[in-house]
N, C-alpha and C. Protein backbone atom coordinates (compact mmCIF):
# COMPACT_ATOMS: atom_id res chain seq x y z
N UNK A 1 84.60 130.03 -42.87
CA UNK A 1 83.30 130.44 -42.31
C UNK A 1 82.94 129.51 -41.14
N UNK A 2 82.61 130.37 -39.93
CA UNK A 2 82.26 129.45 -38.92
C UNK A 2 80.59 129.12 -38.73
N UNK A 3 79.80 128.37 -38.72
CA UNK A 3 78.19 128.68 -38.38
C UNK A 3 78.09 127.83 -37.67
N UNK A 4 77.35 128.49 -36.23
CA UNK A 4 76.87 127.00 -35.57
C UNK A 4 75.79 127.83 -34.99
N UNK A 5 74.87 126.66 -34.57
CA UNK A 5 73.39 127.38 -34.23
C UNK A 5 73.37 126.79 -32.59
N UNK A 6 72.77 127.74 -31.73
CA UNK A 6 72.66 127.46 -30.05
C UNK A 6 71.65 126.73 -30.18
N UNK A 7 71.27 125.60 -29.10
CA UNK A 7 70.39 125.11 -29.04
C UNK A 7 68.79 125.48 -28.75
N UNK A 8 68.66 126.65 -28.68
CA UNK A 8 67.29 127.59 -28.64
C UNK A 8 67.02 127.45 -30.35
N UNK A 9 67.98 127.85 -30.99
CA UNK A 9 68.41 128.22 -33.09
C UNK A 9 67.80 127.13 -33.19
N UNK A 10 68.23 125.61 -32.56
CA UNK A 10 68.12 124.32 -33.47
C UNK A 10 66.87 123.97 -33.08
N UNK A 11 65.98 124.12 -31.76
CA UNK A 11 64.31 124.24 -31.39
C UNK A 11 63.95 124.92 -32.17
N UNK A 12 63.73 125.61 -32.17
CA UNK A 12 63.02 126.77 -33.58
C UNK A 12 63.04 125.77 -34.81
N UNK A 13 64.36 125.84 -35.04
CA UNK A 13 64.05 125.15 -36.33
C UNK A 13 63.29 123.87 -36.53
N UNK A 14 63.15 122.88 -35.66
CA UNK A 14 62.61 121.81 -35.47
C UNK A 14 61.02 121.95 -35.70
N UNK A 15 60.99 123.21 -34.60
CA UNK A 15 59.37 123.42 -34.42
C UNK A 15 58.62 123.98 -35.92
N UNK A 16 59.24 124.95 -36.59
CA UNK A 16 59.09 125.05 -37.90
C UNK A 16 59.28 124.00 -39.00
N UNK A 17 59.80 123.05 -38.77
CA UNK A 17 59.87 121.77 -39.72
C UNK A 17 58.75 120.86 -39.12
N UNK A 18 58.53 120.55 -37.97
CA UNK A 18 57.21 119.37 -37.45
C UNK A 18 55.86 119.96 -38.07
N UNK A 19 56.04 121.62 -37.97
CA UNK A 19 54.72 122.50 -37.70
C UNK A 19 54.12 122.12 -39.01
N UNK A 20 55.42 122.41 -40.08
CA UNK A 20 54.86 122.02 -41.40
C UNK A 20 54.75 120.68 -42.26
N UNK A 21 55.40 119.54 -41.03
CA UNK A 21 55.51 118.31 -41.72
C UNK A 21 53.60 117.96 -41.01
N UNK A 22 53.40 118.43 -39.92
CA UNK A 22 51.95 118.50 -39.47
C UNK A 22 50.92 119.05 -40.34
N UNK A 23 51.05 120.24 -41.15
CA UNK A 23 50.19 120.82 -41.58
C UNK A 23 50.18 120.11 -43.35
N UNK A 24 51.41 119.65 -43.85
CA UNK A 24 51.15 119.41 -44.69
C UNK A 24 51.19 117.69 -45.78
N UNK A 25 51.49 117.15 -44.76
CA UNK A 25 52.05 115.71 -44.77
C UNK A 25 50.57 115.18 -45.23
N UNK A 26 49.71 115.59 -44.75
CA UNK A 26 48.44 114.70 -44.66
C UNK A 26 48.51 113.30 -43.55
N UNK A 27 48.96 113.69 -42.47
CA UNK A 27 48.77 112.43 -41.61
C UNK A 27 47.25 112.47 -40.86
N UNK A 28 47.58 111.41 -40.09
CA UNK A 28 46.33 111.42 -39.68
C UNK A 28 45.92 111.92 -38.23
N UNK A 29 45.19 112.35 -37.73
CA UNK A 29 45.17 113.30 -36.39
C UNK A 29 45.64 112.33 -34.98
N UNK A 30 45.79 111.20 -35.53
CA UNK A 30 46.66 110.13 -34.24
C UNK A 30 48.32 110.99 -34.75
N UNK A 31 48.09 110.56 -35.75
CA UNK A 31 50.01 110.95 -35.86
C UNK A 31 49.95 112.31 -35.84
N UNK A 32 49.60 113.39 -36.21
CA UNK A 32 49.63 114.56 -35.81
C UNK A 32 49.78 114.65 -34.47
N UNK A 33 48.93 114.18 -33.62
CA UNK A 33 49.00 114.45 -31.80
C UNK A 33 50.56 113.93 -31.53
N UNK A 34 50.72 112.79 -31.83
CA UNK A 34 52.07 112.36 -31.45
C UNK A 34 53.00 112.85 -32.05
N UNK A 35 53.54 113.24 -33.18
CA UNK A 35 54.29 114.63 -33.40
C UNK A 35 54.38 115.19 -32.61
N UNK A 36 53.05 116.39 -32.44
CA UNK A 36 52.93 117.49 -31.15
C UNK A 36 53.45 117.11 -30.14
N UNK A 37 53.51 115.46 -29.34
CA UNK A 37 53.20 115.06 -27.89
C UNK A 37 55.08 114.78 -28.01
N UNK A 38 55.83 114.46 -29.12
CA UNK A 38 57.39 113.95 -29.11
C UNK A 38 57.62 115.63 -28.74
N UNK A 39 57.30 116.69 -30.06
CA UNK A 39 57.74 117.58 -29.68
C UNK A 39 57.85 118.62 -28.37
N UNK A 40 56.80 118.26 -27.56
CA UNK A 40 56.55 119.38 -26.63
C UNK A 40 57.34 118.76 -25.49
N UNK A 41 57.12 117.27 -25.52
CA UNK A 41 57.74 116.54 -24.29
C UNK A 41 59.07 116.19 -24.61
N UNK A 42 59.43 115.42 -25.60
CA UNK A 42 60.73 114.76 -26.08
C UNK A 42 61.99 115.49 -26.12
N UNK A 43 61.59 116.73 -26.93
CA UNK A 43 62.51 117.60 -27.22
C UNK A 43 62.26 118.58 -26.50
N UNK A 44 62.03 119.03 -25.29
CA UNK A 44 62.51 120.14 -24.79
C UNK A 44 63.67 120.84 -24.64
N UNK A 45 63.82 122.29 -24.31
CA UNK A 45 64.78 122.88 -24.46
C UNK A 45 65.96 122.04 -23.55
N UNK A 46 67.33 121.52 -23.74
CA UNK A 46 67.67 121.21 -22.43
C UNK A 46 67.57 119.90 -22.23
N UNK A 47 66.84 119.43 -23.01
CA UNK A 47 67.04 117.58 -23.15
C UNK A 47 68.12 116.93 -23.92
N UNK A 48 68.19 116.18 -23.35
CA UNK A 48 69.21 115.03 -24.56
C UNK A 48 69.11 114.85 -25.71
N UNK A 49 67.90 114.71 -25.95
CA UNK A 49 67.48 114.80 -27.55
C UNK A 49 67.97 115.89 -28.49
N UNK A 50 67.66 117.22 -27.84
CA UNK A 50 67.99 118.52 -28.40
C UNK A 50 69.47 118.75 -28.32
N UNK A 51 69.88 118.29 -27.34
CA UNK A 51 71.66 118.19 -27.01
C UNK A 51 72.19 117.77 -28.26
N UNK A 52 71.78 116.31 -28.64
CA UNK A 52 72.10 115.62 -29.71
C UNK A 52 71.73 116.09 -31.07
N UNK A 53 70.50 116.42 -30.90
CA UNK A 53 70.28 117.25 -32.32
C UNK A 53 70.76 118.55 -32.52
N UNK A 54 71.22 119.23 -31.80
CA UNK A 54 71.91 120.45 -31.77
C UNK A 54 73.16 119.80 -32.41
N UNK A 55 73.73 119.35 -31.81
CA UNK A 55 75.32 118.82 -32.27
C UNK A 55 75.32 118.31 -33.89
N UNK A 56 74.10 117.36 -33.88
CA UNK A 56 74.41 116.87 -35.67
C UNK A 56 74.16 118.05 -36.17
N UNK A 57 72.74 118.80 -36.18
CA UNK A 57 72.85 120.07 -37.22
C UNK A 57 74.36 120.60 -37.32
N UNK A 58 74.62 121.11 -36.27
CA UNK A 58 76.04 121.97 -36.15
C UNK A 58 77.23 121.21 -36.84
N UNK A 59 77.25 119.86 -37.18
CA UNK A 59 77.99 119.15 -37.60
C UNK A 59 77.71 118.87 -38.88
N UNK A 60 76.29 119.21 -39.30
CA UNK A 60 76.06 118.60 -40.96
C UNK A 60 76.58 120.05 -41.56
N UNK A 61 75.85 121.49 -40.91
CA UNK A 61 76.33 122.78 -41.04
C UNK A 61 77.62 123.18 -41.60
N UNK A 62 78.57 122.15 -40.45
CA UNK A 62 80.09 122.31 -40.98
C UNK A 62 80.55 121.67 -42.13
N UNK A 63 80.09 120.24 -42.18
CA UNK A 63 80.14 119.61 -43.35
C UNK A 63 79.99 119.79 -44.61
N UNK A 64 78.71 120.92 -44.91
CA UNK A 64 78.27 121.12 -45.91
C UNK A 64 79.49 122.63 -46.27
N UNK A 65 79.72 123.50 -45.28
CA UNK A 65 80.46 124.41 -45.85
C UNK A 65 82.00 123.95 -46.38
N UNK A 66 82.55 123.27 -45.21
CA UNK A 66 83.81 122.65 -45.69
C UNK A 66 83.75 121.99 -47.46
N UNK A 67 82.45 121.31 -47.15
CA UNK A 67 82.59 120.83 -48.76
C UNK A 67 82.34 122.33 -49.75
N UNK A 68 81.57 122.98 -49.39
CA UNK A 68 81.48 124.35 -50.58
C UNK A 68 82.99 124.64 -50.66
N UNK A 69 83.61 125.20 -49.44
CA UNK A 69 84.77 125.78 -49.68
C UNK A 69 85.61 124.53 -50.49
N UNK A 70 85.73 123.59 -50.61
CA UNK A 70 86.86 122.73 -51.40
C UNK A 70 86.42 122.75 -52.62
N UNK A 71 85.25 122.52 -52.96
CA UNK A 71 85.02 122.78 -54.54
C UNK A 71 85.25 123.91 -54.81
N UNK A 72 84.77 124.80 -54.43
CA UNK A 72 85.00 126.38 -54.76
C UNK A 72 86.56 126.78 -54.92
N UNK A 73 87.57 126.12 -54.18
CA UNK A 73 88.76 125.91 -54.52
C UNK A 73 89.20 125.03 -55.74
N UNK A 74 88.53 124.15 -56.44
CA UNK A 74 88.70 122.98 -57.18
C UNK A 74 88.42 123.20 -58.61
N UNK A 75 87.48 124.09 -58.76
CA UNK A 75 86.76 125.01 -60.00
C UNK A 75 87.81 125.53 -60.96
N UNK A 76 88.16 125.33 -61.94
CA UNK A 76 88.66 126.01 -62.88
C UNK A 76 88.66 127.44 -63.05
N UNK A 77 89.72 128.05 -63.27
CA UNK A 77 89.74 129.87 -63.55
C UNK A 77 88.48 129.65 -64.87
N UNK A 78 88.53 129.07 -65.89
CA UNK A 78 88.04 129.32 -67.04
C UNK A 78 86.62 129.20 -67.22
N UNK A 79 85.83 128.98 -66.21
CA UNK A 79 84.33 128.42 -66.37
C UNK A 79 83.98 129.78 -66.11
């Protein structure tokens, strides 16, 4: 199986994670503002940071899927 996120999908994932972190981590106002600023300025769609993040997410997904595929093959039938 092959699963690959596009840059826009990776950006939406980043936005969801950062928003949850801002809401639930108990950060100070300054820290929350810094995260929002980083997300909106540094991680814009098409930026080098987003391209790198998308590549890393896709590599991690691929690695996880290959690992699951291997472990399914190695499981004994009697379980």
